[in-house]
N, C-alpha and C. Protein backbone atom coordinates (compact mmCIF):
# COMPACT_ATOMS: atom_id res chain seq x y z
N UNK A 1 0.65 -1.29 0.17
CA UNK A 1 0.27 0.15 -0.13
C UNK A 1 0.90 1.32 -0.28
N UNK A 2 1.73 1.20 0.83
CA UNK A 2 3.01 2.70 0.48
C UNK A 2 3.57 2.67 -0.43
N UNK A 3 4.02 1.74 -1.55
CA UNK A 3 4.27 1.56 -2.56
C UNK A 3 3.67 2.30 -3.58
N UNK A 4 2.43 1.99 -3.26
CA UNK A 4 1.61 2.14 -4.47
C UNK A 4 1.07 4.21 -4.01
N UNK A 5 1.47 4.29 -2.98
CA UNK A 5 0.84 5.62 -2.41
C UNK A 5 2.37 6.57 -2.60
N UNK A 6 3.29 5.84 -2.71
CA UNK A 6 4.68 6.73 -2.75
C UNK A 6 5.02 6.72 -4.23
N UNK A 7 4.51 5.97 -5.04
CA UNK A 7 4.87 5.83 -6.65
C UNK A 7 4.20 7.16 -7.37
N UNK A 8 5.32 7.90 -7.78
CA UNK A 8 4.76 9.14 -8.58
C UNK A 8 3.25 8.70 -9.79
N UNK A 9 2.33 10.18 -9.83
CA UNK A 9 1.33 9.62 -10.75
C UNK A 9 1.55 9.69 -11.91
N UNK A 10 1.26 9.25 -13.08
CA UNK A 10 1.68 9.17 -14.18
C UNK A 10 1.66 10.46 -15.20
N UNK A 11 2.35 10.96 -15.90
CA UNK A 11 2.45 11.91 -16.47
C UNK A 11 1.23 12.30 -17.47
N UNK A 12 0.88 13.43 -17.42
CA UNK A 12 -0.54 13.70 -18.11
C UNK A 12 0.06 14.10 -19.49
N UNK A 13 -0.83 13.92 -20.60
CA UNK A 13 -0.28 14.49 -22.18
C UNK A 13 0.32 15.81 -22.48
N UNK A 14 -0.64 16.70 -21.69
CA UNK A 14 -0.07 18.13 -21.65
C UNK A 14 0.81 18.48 -20.84
N UNK A 15 1.96 18.26 -20.93
CA UNK A 15 3.21 18.68 -20.21
C UNK A 15 4.54 19.42 -21.07
N UNK A 16 5.58 19.50 -20.65
CA UNK A 16 6.25 20.55 -21.09
C UNK A 16 7.01 20.08 -22.48
N UNK A 17 7.70 18.63 -22.36
CA UNK A 17 7.92 17.62 -23.26
C UNK A 17 6.81 17.62 -24.25
N UNK A 18 5.86 17.14 -24.25
CA UNK A 18 4.89 17.24 -25.19
C UNK A 18 4.68 18.46 -26.02
N UNK A 19 4.61 19.32 -25.29
CA UNK A 19 4.55 20.98 -25.68
C UNK A 19 5.56 21.13 -27.10
N UNK A 20 6.62 20.34 -26.85
CA UNK A 20 7.89 21.02 -27.32
C UNK A 20 7.80 20.29 -28.81
N UNK A 21 7.08 18.87 -28.26
CA UNK A 21 7.38 18.07 -29.52
C UNK A 21 6.07 18.37 -30.45
N UNK A 22 5.13 18.86 -30.22
CA UNK A 22 4.31 19.48 -31.15
C UNK A 22 4.91 21.01 -31.77
N UNK A 23 5.46 21.87 -30.95
CA UNK A 23 6.16 23.02 -31.40
C UNK A 23 7.14 22.54 -32.50
N UNK A 24 7.47 21.66 -32.40
CA UNK A 24 8.62 21.03 -33.61
C UNK A 24 7.99 20.44 -34.89
N UNK A 25 6.85 20.26 -34.76
CA UNK A 25 5.95 19.69 -35.98
C UNK A 25 5.41 20.88 -36.33
N UNK A 26 4.85 22.10 -35.83
CA UNK A 26 4.24 23.21 -36.49
C UNK A 26 5.31 23.75 -36.90
N UNK A 27 6.87 23.54 -36.15
CA UNK A 27 8.00 24.16 -37.32
C UNK A 27 8.20 23.77 -38.61
N UNK A 28 7.97 22.48 -39.02
CA UNK A 28 7.96 21.88 -40.16
C UNK A 28 7.48 22.70 -41.16
N UNK A 29 6.33 22.83 -41.25
CA UNK A 29 5.87 23.74 -42.48
C UNK A 29 6.57 25.34 -42.73
N UNK A 30 6.90 26.09 -41.46
CA UNK A 30 7.67 27.27 -41.40
C UNK A 30 9.06 27.12 -42.23
N UNK A 31 9.81 26.08 -41.79
CA UNK A 31 10.99 26.01 -42.49
C UNK A 31 10.94 25.50 -43.76
N UNK A 32 9.97 24.63 -44.01
CA UNK A 32 10.13 24.49 -45.88
C UNK A 32 9.24 25.84 -46.33
N UNK A 33 8.16 26.58 -45.88
CA UNK A 33 7.96 27.81 -46.36
C UNK A 33 9.48 28.69 -46.60
N UNK A 34 10.16 28.69 -45.54
CA UNK A 34 11.15 29.92 -45.89
C UNK A 34 12.07 29.35 -46.84
N UNK A 35 12.29 28.00 -46.90
CA UNK A 35 13.44 27.28 -47.66
C UNK A 35 13.13 27.33 -48.94
N UNK A 36 11.96 27.58 -49.62
CA UNK A 36 11.55 27.51 -51.08
C UNK A 36 11.73 28.88 -51.14
N UNK A 37 11.49 29.86 -50.56
CA UNK A 37 11.95 31.23 -51.34
C UNK A 37 13.22 31.38 -51.68
N UNK A 38 13.59 32.33 -52.22
CA UNK A 38 14.78 32.84 -52.63
C UNK A 38 15.27 34.35 -51.62
N UNK A 39 16.55 34.44 -51.24
CA UNK A 39 16.91 35.38 -51.06
C UNK A 39 17.66 34.92 -49.43
N UNK A 40 18.92 35.45 -49.21
CA UNK A 40 19.23 35.11 -47.82
C UNK A 40 18.29 35.57 -46.52
N UNK A 41 17.69 36.31 -46.54
CA UNK A 41 17.09 36.45 -45.27
C UNK A 41 16.07 35.14 -45.45
N UNK A 42 15.57 34.65 -46.18
CA UNK A 42 14.59 33.43 -45.94
C UNK A 42 15.15 31.98 -45.80
N UNK A 43 16.84 32.47 -46.37
CA UNK A 43 17.78 30.95 -45.82
C UNK A 43 17.54 31.13 -44.32
N UNK A 44 18.50 32.38 -44.12
CA UNK A 44 18.41 32.61 -42.67
C UNK A 44 17.33 32.14 -41.39
N UNK A 45 16.20 32.82 -42.13
CA UNK A 45 14.72 32.14 -41.39
C UNK A 45 14.50 30.69 -41.44
N UNK A 46 14.79 30.13 -42.47
CA UNK A 46 14.76 28.30 -42.78
C UNK A 46 15.54 27.72 -41.90
N UNK A 47 16.73 28.53 -41.68
CA UNK A 47 18.12 27.83 -40.73
C UNK A 47 17.74 27.93 -39.23
N UNK A 48 16.99 29.06 -38.89
CA UNK A 48 16.57 29.57 -37.56
C UNK A 48 15.23 28.57 -37.23
N UNK A 49 14.47 28.13 -38.31
CA UNK A 49 13.44 27.39 -38.00
C UNK A 49 14.16 25.85 -38.00
N UNK A 50 15.04 25.24 -38.77
CA UNK A 50 15.11 24.25 -38.73
C UNK A 50 16.60 23.93 -37.22
N UNK A 51 17.10 24.88 -36.91
CA UNK A 51 17.82 24.95 -35.99
C UNK A 51 17.08 24.75 -34.16
N UNK A 52 16.28 25.80 -34.48
CA UNK A 52 15.08 25.44 -33.29
C UNK A 52 14.43 24.66 -32.93
N UNK A 53 13.83 23.91 -34.15
CA UNK A 53 13.30 22.48 -34.20
C UNK A 53 14.07 21.21 -33.72
N UNK A 54 15.69 21.35 -34.02
CA UNK A 54 16.52 20.70 -33.65
C UNK A 54 16.61 20.18 -32.27
N UNK A 55 16.55 21.87 -31.79
CA UNK A 55 16.95 22.00 -30.16
C UNK A 55 15.83 21.56 -29.45
N UNK A 56 14.82 21.66 -30.03
CA UNK A 56 13.44 21.27 -29.15
C UNK A 56 13.77 19.52 -29.35
N UNK A 57 13.80 18.91 -30.09
CA UNK A 57 14.00 17.37 -30.05
C UNK A 57 15.32 16.77 -28.56
N UNK A 58 16.23 17.56 -28.67
CA UNK A 58 17.45 17.39 -27.81
C UNK A 58 16.37 17.60 -26.44
N UNK A 59 15.88 18.87 -26.48
CA UNK A 59 15.27 19.40 -25.23
C UNK A 59 14.27 18.34 -24.47
N UNK A 60 13.37 18.12 -25.48
CA UNK A 60 12.15 17.49 -25.06
C UNK A 60 12.41 16.06 -24.27
N UNK A 61 13.29 15.57 -25.08
CA UNK A 61 13.87 14.30 -24.25
C UNK A 61 14.51 14.34 -23.07
N UNK A 62 15.21 14.92 -22.95
CA UNK A 62 16.07 15.48 -21.62
C UNK A 62 14.84 15.60 -20.23
N UNK A 63 13.77 16.53 -20.80
CA UNK A 63 13.35 17.00 -19.81
C UNK A 63 12.02 15.71 -19.78
N UNK A 64 11.60 14.95 -20.61
CA UNK A 64 10.70 13.81 -20.49
C UNK A 64 11.36 12.67 -19.64
N UNK A 65 12.68 12.38 -19.81
CA UNK A 65 13.66 11.29 -19.01
C UNK A 65 13.82 11.98 -17.22
N UNK A 66 13.83 13.09 -17.08
CA UNK A 66 14.57 13.52 -16.04
C UNK A 66 13.40 14.09 -15.03
N UNK A 67 12.09 14.70 -15.79
CA UNK A 67 11.07 15.04 -14.87
C UNK A 67 10.24 13.81 -14.90
N UNK A 68 10.05 12.74 -15.63
CA UNK A 68 9.04 11.75 -15.46
C UNK A 68 8.35 11.90 -16.63
N UNK A 69 8.17 12.76 -17.72
CA UNK A 69 7.12 12.83 -18.41
C UNK A 69 6.78 12.10 -19.64
N UNK A 70 7.56 10.96 -19.45
CA UNK A 70 7.24 9.97 -20.68
C UNK A 70 5.53 9.55 -20.90
N UNK A 71 5.05 9.69 -21.70
CA UNK A 71 3.62 9.60 -22.01
C UNK A 71 3.57 8.79 -23.47
N UNK A 72 2.47 7.80 -23.49
CA UNK A 72 2.55 7.32 -25.15
C UNK A 72 2.14 8.04 -26.24
N UNK A 73 1.70 9.29 -25.70
CA UNK A 73 1.57 10.40 -26.98
C UNK A 73 3.08 10.69 -27.35
N UNK A 74 3.77 11.17 -26.05
CA UNK A 74 5.40 11.21 -26.54
C UNK A 74 6.03 10.22 -27.20
N UNK A 75 5.49 8.82 -26.76
CA UNK A 75 6.57 7.86 -27.28
C UNK A 75 6.24 7.92 -29.40
N UNK A 76 5.00 8.28 -29.40
CA UNK A 76 4.44 8.14 -30.81
C UNK A 76 4.82 9.55 -31.59
N UNK A 77 4.35 10.90 -30.86
CA UNK A 77 4.53 11.90 -31.66
C UNK A 77 5.91 12.25 -31.74
N UNK A 78 7.05 12.17 -30.93
CA UNK A 78 8.50 12.44 -30.97
C UNK A 78 9.08 11.48 -31.98
N UNK A 79 8.99 10.53 -32.73
CA UNK A 79 9.67 10.00 -33.91
C UNK A 79 8.89 10.72 -34.74
N UNK A 80 7.84 10.71 -34.96
CA UNK A 80 7.00 11.36 -36.53
C UNK A 80 7.44 12.40 -36.37
N UNK A 81 7.37 13.61 -35.45
CA UNK A 81 7.79 14.78 -35.72
C UNK A 81 9.68 14.73 -36.21
N UNK A 82 10.71 13.97 -35.58
CA UNK A 82 11.65 13.81 -36.02
C UNK A 82 11.83 13.59 -37.33
N UNK A 83 11.35 12.51 -37.83
CA UNK A 83 11.18 12.28 -39.36
C UNK A 83 10.50 12.96 -40.45
N UNK A 84 10.05 13.86 -39.71
CA UNK A 84 8.66 15.03 -40.58
C UNK A 84 9.68 16.06 -40.54
N UNK A 85 10.58 16.13 -39.78
CA UNK A 85 11.63 17.46 -40.07
C UNK A 85 12.72 17.03 -40.99
N UNK A 86 13.30 15.96 -40.73
CA UNK A 86 14.15 15.62 -41.76
C UNK A 86 14.17 15.30 -42.69
N UNK A 87 12.81 14.54 -42.96
CA UNK A 87 12.45 14.16 -44.42
C UNK A 87 11.81 15.34 -45.21
N UNK A 88 11.36 16.22 -44.32
CA UNK A 88 10.91 17.82 -45.15
C UNK A 88 12.36 18.44 -45.32
N UNK A 89 13.35 18.61 -44.91
CA UNK A 89 14.49 19.28 -45.34
C UNK A 89 15.14 18.33 -46.42
N UNK A 90 15.28 17.28 -46.60
CA UNK A 90 15.94 16.64 -47.08
C UNK A 90 15.19 16.71 -48.60
N UNK A 91 13.92 16.40 -48.83
CA UNK A 91 13.06 16.21 -49.59
C UNK A 91 13.13 17.79 -50.42
N UNK A 92 12.75 18.96 -49.78
CA UNK A 92 12.82 20.20 -50.33
C UNK A 92 14.26 20.60 -51.06
N UNK A 93 14.96 19.91 -50.23
CA UNK A 93 16.95 20.27 -50.65
C UNK A 93 16.79 19.63 -52.22
N UNK A 94 16.17 18.51 -52.13
CA UNK A 94 16.44 17.79 -53.64
C UNK A 94 15.38 18.15 -54.46
N UNK A 95 13.98 18.71 -54.26
CA UNK A 95 13.25 19.38 -55.16
C UNK A 95 13.96 20.57 -55.52
N UNK A 96 14.62 21.23 -54.75
CA UNK A 96 15.40 22.83 -55.48
C UNK A 96 16.59 22.22 -56.45
N UNK A 97 16.94 21.12 -56.43
CA UNK A 97 17.99 20.81 -56.90
C UNK A 97 19.02 20.97 -56.30
N UNK A 98 19.51 21.15 -55.00
CA UNK A 98 20.72 20.89 -53.98
C UNK A 98 20.92 20.06 -53.73
N UNK A 99 20.52 18.68 -53.66
CA UNK A 99 20.51 17.78 -53.19
C UNK A 99 20.37 16.46 -53.95
N UNK A 100 21.15 15.43 -54.05
CA UNK A 100 20.74 14.48 -55.26
C UNK A 100 19.63 13.76 -54.66
N UNK A 101 18.85 13.45 -55.36
CA UNK A 101 17.73 12.83 -55.04
C UNK A 101 17.69 11.25 -54.28
N UNK A 102 18.81 10.39 -54.77
CA UNK A 102 19.67 9.31 -54.47
C UNK A 102 19.64 9.42 -52.70
N UNK A 103 20.33 10.57 -52.45
CA UNK A 103 20.61 10.55 -51.32
C UNK A 103 19.52 10.66 -50.22
N UNK A 104 18.64 11.31 -50.77
CA UNK A 104 17.44 11.76 -49.87
C UNK A 104 16.61 10.06 -49.95
N UNK A 105 16.26 9.76 -50.73
CA UNK A 105 15.77 8.22 -50.94
C UNK A 105 16.55 7.46 -50.14
N UNK A 106 17.72 6.91 -50.43
CA UNK A 106 18.21 6.50 -49.14
C UNK A 106 18.25 6.33 -47.36
N UNK A 107 18.05 7.83 -47.42
CA UNK A 107 18.22 8.13 -45.81
C UNK A 107 16.83 7.96 -45.70
N UNK A 108 15.67 8.30 -46.15
CA UNK A 108 14.28 8.36 -45.85
C UNK A 108 13.78 7.07 -45.91
N UNK A 109 14.52 5.89 -46.91
CA UNK A 109 14.18 4.57 -46.96
C UNK A 109 14.52 3.86 -45.16
N UNK A 110 15.87 4.20 -45.21
CA UNK A 110 16.61 3.64 -43.75
C UNK A 110 15.46 4.12 -42.79
N UNK A 111 15.38 5.48 -42.75
CA UNK A 111 14.58 6.05 -41.72
C UNK A 111 13.09 5.40 -41.63
N UNK A 112 12.22 5.28 -42.44
CA UNK A 112 11.09 4.62 -42.31
C UNK A 112 11.15 3.34 -42.07
N UNK A 113 12.14 2.51 -42.66
CA UNK A 113 12.05 1.22 -42.55
C UNK A 113 12.41 0.70 -40.89
N UNK A 114 13.43 1.78 -40.66
CA UNK A 114 13.98 1.08 -38.93
C UNK A 114 12.72 1.68 -38.20
N UNK A 115 11.94 2.71 -38.32
CA UNK A 115 10.75 2.64 -37.28
C UNK A 115 9.74 1.79 -37.49
N UNK A 116 9.31 1.50 -38.67
CA UNK A 116 8.62 0.41 -38.98
C UNK A 116 8.87 -0.79 -38.19
N UNK A 117 10.72 -1.20 -38.05
CA UNK A 117 10.68 -2.37 -37.66
C UNK A 117 10.44 -2.15 -36.17
N UNK A 118 10.92 -1.15 -35.56
CA UNK A 118 10.84 -0.83 -34.12
C UNK A 118 9.48 -1.22 -33.74
N UNK A 119 8.49 -0.48 -34.29
CA UNK A 119 7.27 -1.03 -34.08
C UNK A 119 6.79 -2.20 -34.46
N UNK A 120 7.09 -3.36 -35.04
CA UNK A 120 6.91 -4.52 -35.38
C UNK A 120 7.44 -5.42 -34.19
N UNK A 121 8.50 -5.04 -33.70
CA UNK A 121 9.41 -5.93 -32.76
C UNK A 121 9.11 -5.54 -31.16
N UNK A 122 8.12 -4.29 -30.93
CA UNK A 122 7.90 -3.77 -29.79
C UNK A 122 7.14 -4.71 -28.77
N UNK A 123 6.57 -5.82 -29.28
CA UNK A 123 6.20 -6.86 -28.36
C UNK A 123 7.14 -7.78 -27.37
N UNK A 124 8.51 -7.64 -28.36
CA UNK A 124 9.27 -8.44 -27.66
C UNK A 124 10.33 -7.22 -27.19
N UNK A 125 10.19 -5.95 -27.21
CA UNK A 125 11.47 -5.05 -26.44
C UNK A 125 11.48 -3.92 -27.43
N UNK A 126 11.88 -3.26 -26.44
CA UNK A 126 12.34 -1.52 -27.55
C UNK A 126 13.64 -1.82 -28.28
N UNK A 127 14.01 -1.63 -29.23
CA UNK A 127 15.16 -1.36 -29.75
C UNK A 127 15.79 0.17 -29.14
N UNK A 128 16.84 0.57 -28.22
CA UNK A 128 17.02 1.60 -27.86
C UNK A 128 17.95 2.30 -28.89
N UNK A 129 17.79 3.35 -28.66
CA UNK A 129 19.10 4.07 -29.74
C UNK A 129 20.57 4.05 -29.30
N UNK A 130 21.24 3.55 -30.46
CA UNK A 130 22.38 3.13 -29.97
C UNK A 130 23.38 4.78 -29.95
N UNK A 131 24.59 4.44 -29.59
CA UNK A 131 25.56 5.61 -29.68
C UNK A 131 25.94 5.88 -31.35
N UNK A 132 25.62 5.03 -32.11
CA UNK A 132 26.02 5.32 -33.07
C UNK A 132 24.32 6.14 -34.34
N UNK A 133 23.39 5.78 -33.67
CA UNK A 133 22.30 6.47 -33.83
C UNK A 133 22.12 7.57 -33.35
N UNK A 134 22.82 8.26 -32.35
CA UNK A 134 22.77 9.37 -32.11
C UNK A 134 23.58 10.09 -33.00
N UNK A 135 24.87 9.18 -33.23
CA UNK A 135 25.71 10.12 -34.20
C UNK A 135 25.36 10.49 -35.43
N UNK A 136 24.41 9.65 -35.78
CA UNK A 136 23.77 9.45 -37.18
C UNK A 136 22.55 11.08 -37.13
N UNK A 137 22.20 11.05 -35.97
CA UNK A 137 20.99 12.35 -35.74
C UNK A 137 22.11 13.44 -35.75
N UNK A 138 23.27 13.70 -35.39
CA UNK A 138 23.86 14.59 -34.96
C UNK A 138 24.12 15.16 -36.62
N UNK A 139 25.10 13.82 -37.05
CA UNK A 139 25.27 14.40 -38.82
C UNK A 139 24.44 15.02 -39.55
N UNK A 140 23.13 14.51 -39.53
CA UNK A 140 22.16 14.54 -40.39
C UNK A 140 21.86 16.21 -40.04
N UNK A 141 21.62 16.58 -38.79
CA UNK A 141 21.05 17.71 -38.36
C UNK A 141 22.48 19.02 -39.01
N UNK A 142 23.79 18.76 -38.59
CA UNK A 142 24.76 19.35 -39.04
C UNK A 142 24.94 19.67 -40.60
N UNK A 143 24.86 18.31 -41.28
CA UNK A 143 24.80 18.26 -42.74
C UNK A 143 23.63 19.33 -43.62
N UNK A 144 22.19 19.10 -42.70
CA UNK A 144 21.34 19.85 -43.45
C UNK A 144 21.74 21.47 -43.06
N UNK A 145 21.92 21.80 -41.76
CA UNK A 145 22.58 23.16 -41.62
C UNK A 145 23.07 23.68 -42.65
N UNK A 146 23.97 22.62 -42.87
CA UNK A 146 24.74 23.40 -43.88
C UNK A 146 24.37 23.50 -45.11
N UNK A 147 23.76 22.37 -45.97
CA UNK A 147 23.34 22.81 -46.58
C UNK A 147 21.92 24.03 -46.80
N UNK A 148 21.74 24.29 -45.84
CA UNK A 148 20.48 25.41 -45.52
C UNK A 148 21.04 26.85 -45.58
N UNK A 149 22.32 27.17 -44.85
CA UNK A 149 22.81 28.25 -44.86
C UNK A 149 23.48 28.84 -45.99
N UNK A 150 22.97 29.86 -46.21
CA UNK A 150 23.34 30.92 -47.52
C UNK A 150 24.65 31.17 -47.54
N UNK A 151 25.44 30.22 -48.03
CA UNK A 151 26.85 30.26 -48.02
C UNK A 151 27.23 29.58 -49.50
N UNK A 152 27.99 30.53 -50.41
CA UNK A 152 28.24 29.75 -51.48
C UNK A 152 29.83 29.62 -51.68
N UNK A 153 30.64 29.46 -50.62
CA UNK A 153 32.15 29.67 -50.84
C UNK A 153 32.64 28.26 -51.65
N UNK A 154 33.39 27.90 -52.44
CA UNK A 154 33.69 26.69 -52.99
C UNK A 154 34.17 25.46 -51.95
N UNK A 155 35.24 25.92 -51.00
CA UNK A 155 35.40 24.95 -50.05
C UNK A 155 34.40 24.78 -49.27
N UNK A 156 33.60 25.30 -49.01
CA UNK A 156 32.11 25.32 -47.90
C UNK A 156 31.26 24.20 -48.91
N UNK A 157 31.65 24.29 -49.93
CA UNK A 157 30.67 23.18 -50.94
C UNK A 157 31.13 21.57 -50.59
N UNK A 158 32.14 21.57 -50.64
CA UNK A 158 33.29 20.67 -50.48
C UNK A 158 32.90 19.96 -48.97
N UNK A 159 33.18 20.82 -48.00
CA UNK A 159 32.68 20.39 -46.78
C UNK A 159 31.34 19.99 -46.32
N UNK A 160 30.58 20.72 -46.92
CA UNK A 160 29.10 19.96 -46.62
C UNK A 160 28.80 18.70 -47.55
N UNK A 161 29.25 18.59 -48.77
CA UNK A 161 29.26 16.94 -49.18
C UNK A 161 30.11 16.15 -48.46
N UNK A 162 31.06 16.63 -47.66
CA UNK A 162 31.68 15.61 -47.09
C UNK A 162 30.82 15.16 -45.81
N UNK A 163 30.22 16.24 -45.21
CA UNK A 163 29.62 15.90 -43.88
C UNK A 163 28.40 15.11 -44.15
N UNK A 164 27.61 15.47 -45.55
CA UNK A 164 26.44 14.48 -45.98
C UNK A 164 26.82 12.82 -46.23
N UNK A 165 27.81 13.25 -46.93
CA UNK A 165 28.43 11.83 -47.10
C UNK A 165 28.46 10.83 -45.90
N UNK A 166 29.34 11.67 -44.88
CA UNK A 166 29.37 11.11 -43.68
C UNK A 166 28.15 10.62 -42.65
N UNK A 167 27.20 11.40 -43.07
CA UNK A 167 26.15 11.19 -42.59
C UNK A 167 25.04 10.16 -43.11
N UNK A 168 25.24 9.99 -44.65
CA UNK A 168 24.71 8.89 -45.22
C UNK A 168 25.15 7.61 -45.11
N UNK A 169 26.77 7.53 -44.89
CA UNK A 169 27.11 6.19 -44.44
C UNK A 169 26.87 6.11 -43.10
N UNK A 170 26.83 6.80 -42.07
CA UNK A 170 26.67 6.14 -40.92
C UNK A 170 25.30 5.84 -40.58
N UNK A 171 23.98 6.57 -41.35
CA UNK A 171 22.96 6.48 -41.65
C UNK A 171 22.52 4.63 -41.87
N UNK A 172 23.31 4.33 -43.10
CA UNK A 172 22.76 2.85 -43.52
C UNK A 172 23.47 1.73 -42.57
N UNK A 173 24.76 2.23 -42.16
CA UNK A 173 25.75 1.07 -41.18
C UNK A 173 24.60 1.13 -39.99
N UNK A 174 24.09 2.31 -39.15
CA UNK A 174 23.20 1.85 -38.29
C UNK A 174 21.98 1.04 -38.73
N UNK A 175 21.59 1.35 -39.78
CA UNK A 175 20.48 0.85 -39.95
C UNK A 175 20.60 -0.42 -40.15
N UNK A 176 21.59 -1.22 -40.82
CA UNK A 176 22.01 -2.59 -40.99
C UNK A 176 22.03 -3.13 -38.91
N UNK A 177 22.88 -2.39 -38.16
CA UNK A 177 22.93 -2.79 -37.00
C UNK A 177 21.73 -3.01 -36.25
N UNK A 178 20.32 -1.76 -36.42
CA UNK A 178 19.12 -1.99 -35.85
C UNK A 178 18.32 -3.20 -36.60
N UNK A 179 18.70 -3.44 -37.91
CA UNK A 179 18.04 -4.99 -38.66
C UNK A 179 18.84 -6.30 -37.48
N UNK A 180 20.05 -6.17 -37.52
CA UNK A 180 20.68 -7.27 -36.66
C UNK A 180 20.07 -7.45 -35.20
N UNK A 181 20.32 -6.44 -34.68
CA UNK A 181 19.54 -6.16 -33.45
C UNK A 181 18.37 -6.86 -33.25
N UNK A 182 17.40 -6.47 -34.43
CA UNK A 182 15.90 -6.82 -34.06
C UNK A 182 16.01 -8.37 -34.28
N UNK A 183 16.96 -8.87 -35.36
CA UNK A 183 16.57 -10.49 -35.59
C UNK A 183 16.88 -11.26 -34.20
N UNK A 184 17.91 -10.56 -33.76
CA UNK A 184 18.62 -10.85 -32.19
C UNK A 184 17.81 -11.36 -31.54
N UNK A 185 16.68 -10.25 -31.09
CA UNK A 185 15.52 -10.47 -30.24
C UNK A 185 14.36 -11.23 -30.80
N UNK A 186 14.12 -11.62 -31.80
CA UNK A 186 13.58 -12.95 -32.29
C UNK A 186 13.56 -14.28 -31.82
N UNK A 187 15.20 -14.36 -31.69
CA UNK A 187 15.91 -15.58 -31.41
C UNK A 187 15.65 -15.95 -29.77
N UNK A 188 15.36 -17.17 -29.73
CA UNK A 188 14.94 -17.57 -28.21
C UNK A 188 16.40 -17.73 -27.77
N UNK A 189 16.62 -17.19 -26.14
CA UNK A 189 17.36 -16.99 -25.51
C UNK A 189 17.75 -18.25 -24.41
N UNK A 190 18.85 -18.76 -24.06
CA UNK A 190 18.69 -19.87 -23.26
C UNK A 190 17.79 -19.56 -22.00
N UNK A 191 17.46 -18.66 -21.46
CA UNK A 191 16.77 -18.34 -20.42
C UNK A 191 15.05 -18.85 -20.73
N UNK A 192 14.66 -18.81 -22.07
CA UNK A 192 13.48 -19.67 -22.61
C UNK A 192 13.48 -21.22 -22.55
N UNK A 193 14.46 -21.98 -22.16
CA UNK A 193 14.66 -23.29 -22.46
C UNK A 193 13.66 -23.56 -21.13
N UNK A 194 13.05 -24.94 -21.56
CA UNK A 194 12.19 -25.68 -20.15
C UNK A 194 13.46 -25.86 -18.91
N UNK A 195 14.65 -26.46 -19.40
CA UNK A 195 16.08 -26.27 -18.27
C UNK A 195 15.95 -25.07 -17.40
N UNK A 196 15.89 -24.24 -18.32
CA UNK A 196 16.66 -22.77 -17.56
C UNK A 196 15.44 -22.58 -16.62
N UNK A 197 14.12 -22.92 -16.97
CA UNK A 197 12.73 -22.19 -16.10
C UNK A 197 12.51 -23.35 -15.09
N UNK A 198 12.78 -24.21 -15.16
CA UNK A 198 12.92 -24.88 -14.13
C UNK A 198 14.26 -25.15 -13.01
N UNK A 199 15.55 -24.52 -13.48
CA UNK A 199 16.47 -24.12 -12.70
C UNK A 199 16.66 -23.27 -11.65
N UNK A 200 15.40 -22.24 -11.87
CA UNK A 200 15.31 -21.46 -10.70
C UNK A 200 15.95 -20.13 -10.69
N UNK A 201 15.76 -19.55 -9.76
CA UNK A 201 16.66 -18.36 -9.49
C UNK A 201 18.33 -18.27 -9.81
N UNK A 202 18.91 -19.78 -9.21
CA UNK A 202 20.16 -19.54 -9.53
C UNK A 202 20.70 -19.24 -11.04
N UNK A 203 20.02 -19.63 -11.92
CA UNK A 203 20.37 -19.64 -13.60
C UNK A 203 19.95 -18.24 -13.92
N UNK A 204 19.26 -17.03 -13.07
CA UNK A 204 18.68 -16.13 -13.72
C UNK A 204 19.46 -14.52 -13.79
N UNK A 205 20.87 -14.81 -13.33
CA UNK A 205 21.89 -13.69 -12.90
C UNK A 205 22.29 -12.94 -14.30
N UNK A 206 23.53 -13.40 -14.74
CA UNK A 206 23.99 -13.22 -16.15
C UNK A 206 23.28 -13.11 -17.12
N UNK A 207 22.58 -14.26 -17.15
CA UNK A 207 21.93 -14.99 -18.44
C UNK A 207 21.04 -13.49 -18.75
N UNK A 208 19.92 -13.10 -17.42
CA UNK A 208 18.87 -12.31 -17.58
C UNK A 208 19.64 -10.88 -18.07
N UNK A 209 20.88 -10.68 -17.18
CA UNK A 209 21.40 -9.19 -17.70
C UNK A 209 21.85 -9.29 -19.24
N UNK A 210 22.36 -10.65 -19.96
CA UNK A 210 22.57 -10.39 -21.16
C UNK A 210 21.26 -9.98 -22.10
N UNK A 211 20.38 -10.66 -21.63
CA UNK A 211 18.95 -10.83 -22.37
C UNK A 211 18.95 -9.24 -22.44
N UNK A 212 18.90 -8.45 -21.18
CA UNK A 212 18.26 -7.17 -21.24
C UNK A 212 19.05 -6.40 -22.18
N UNK A 213 20.22 -6.67 -22.19
CA UNK A 213 21.46 -6.18 -23.19
C UNK A 213 20.91 -6.05 -24.60
N UNK A 214 20.51 -7.21 -24.94
CA UNK A 214 19.88 -7.47 -26.27
C UNK A 214 18.99 -6.68 -26.57
N UNK A 215 17.85 -6.54 -25.41
CA UNK A 215 16.85 -5.73 -25.85
C UNK A 215 16.90 -4.67 -25.93
N UNK A 216 17.86 -3.88 -25.06
CA UNK A 216 17.96 -2.55 -25.34
C UNK A 216 18.91 -2.06 -26.51
């Protein structure tokens, strides 16, 4: 009874983390509107919108974890907002002829495919974001910012292409990693065998820890 009374109440759907996620979604059309217009001021506006939206992605995750504001709405809306922002940026840059369409296609194929894969195996566990996944997100954000910024120097063009190339490689490599981790989650572990189930608590230490690692 004390445990029930001492546990924190579930977070409501209206909280600062979810508000930031919704703000990010609304910034997507603002970003695209600025990006499709010519002129340095419009480009700076697009850069500000994309940078602000990307910052809310970092901030809402931190707040949700630290303040216990994780909700079902946030679990669904947050990845949708992320993919909408990145996808809108890549597609618009390709439509404007500033980014090859095959680059956009490969990145979006990976992003949408891994999102679908995560939902497909969610009954077995959550595929947690890896360090490679975090690096992928950071490289994508930096690369998009470089493409959006109104800079036309020759050396700058090489830098932004190199960063986008690195983002593409890491995006594809981490995609393969997620597929492998999902496949491992589908395989029965030693803990699932009848012998392990009959052996009791003595068998549940290291084996259970390793199973948790695979699920994360």
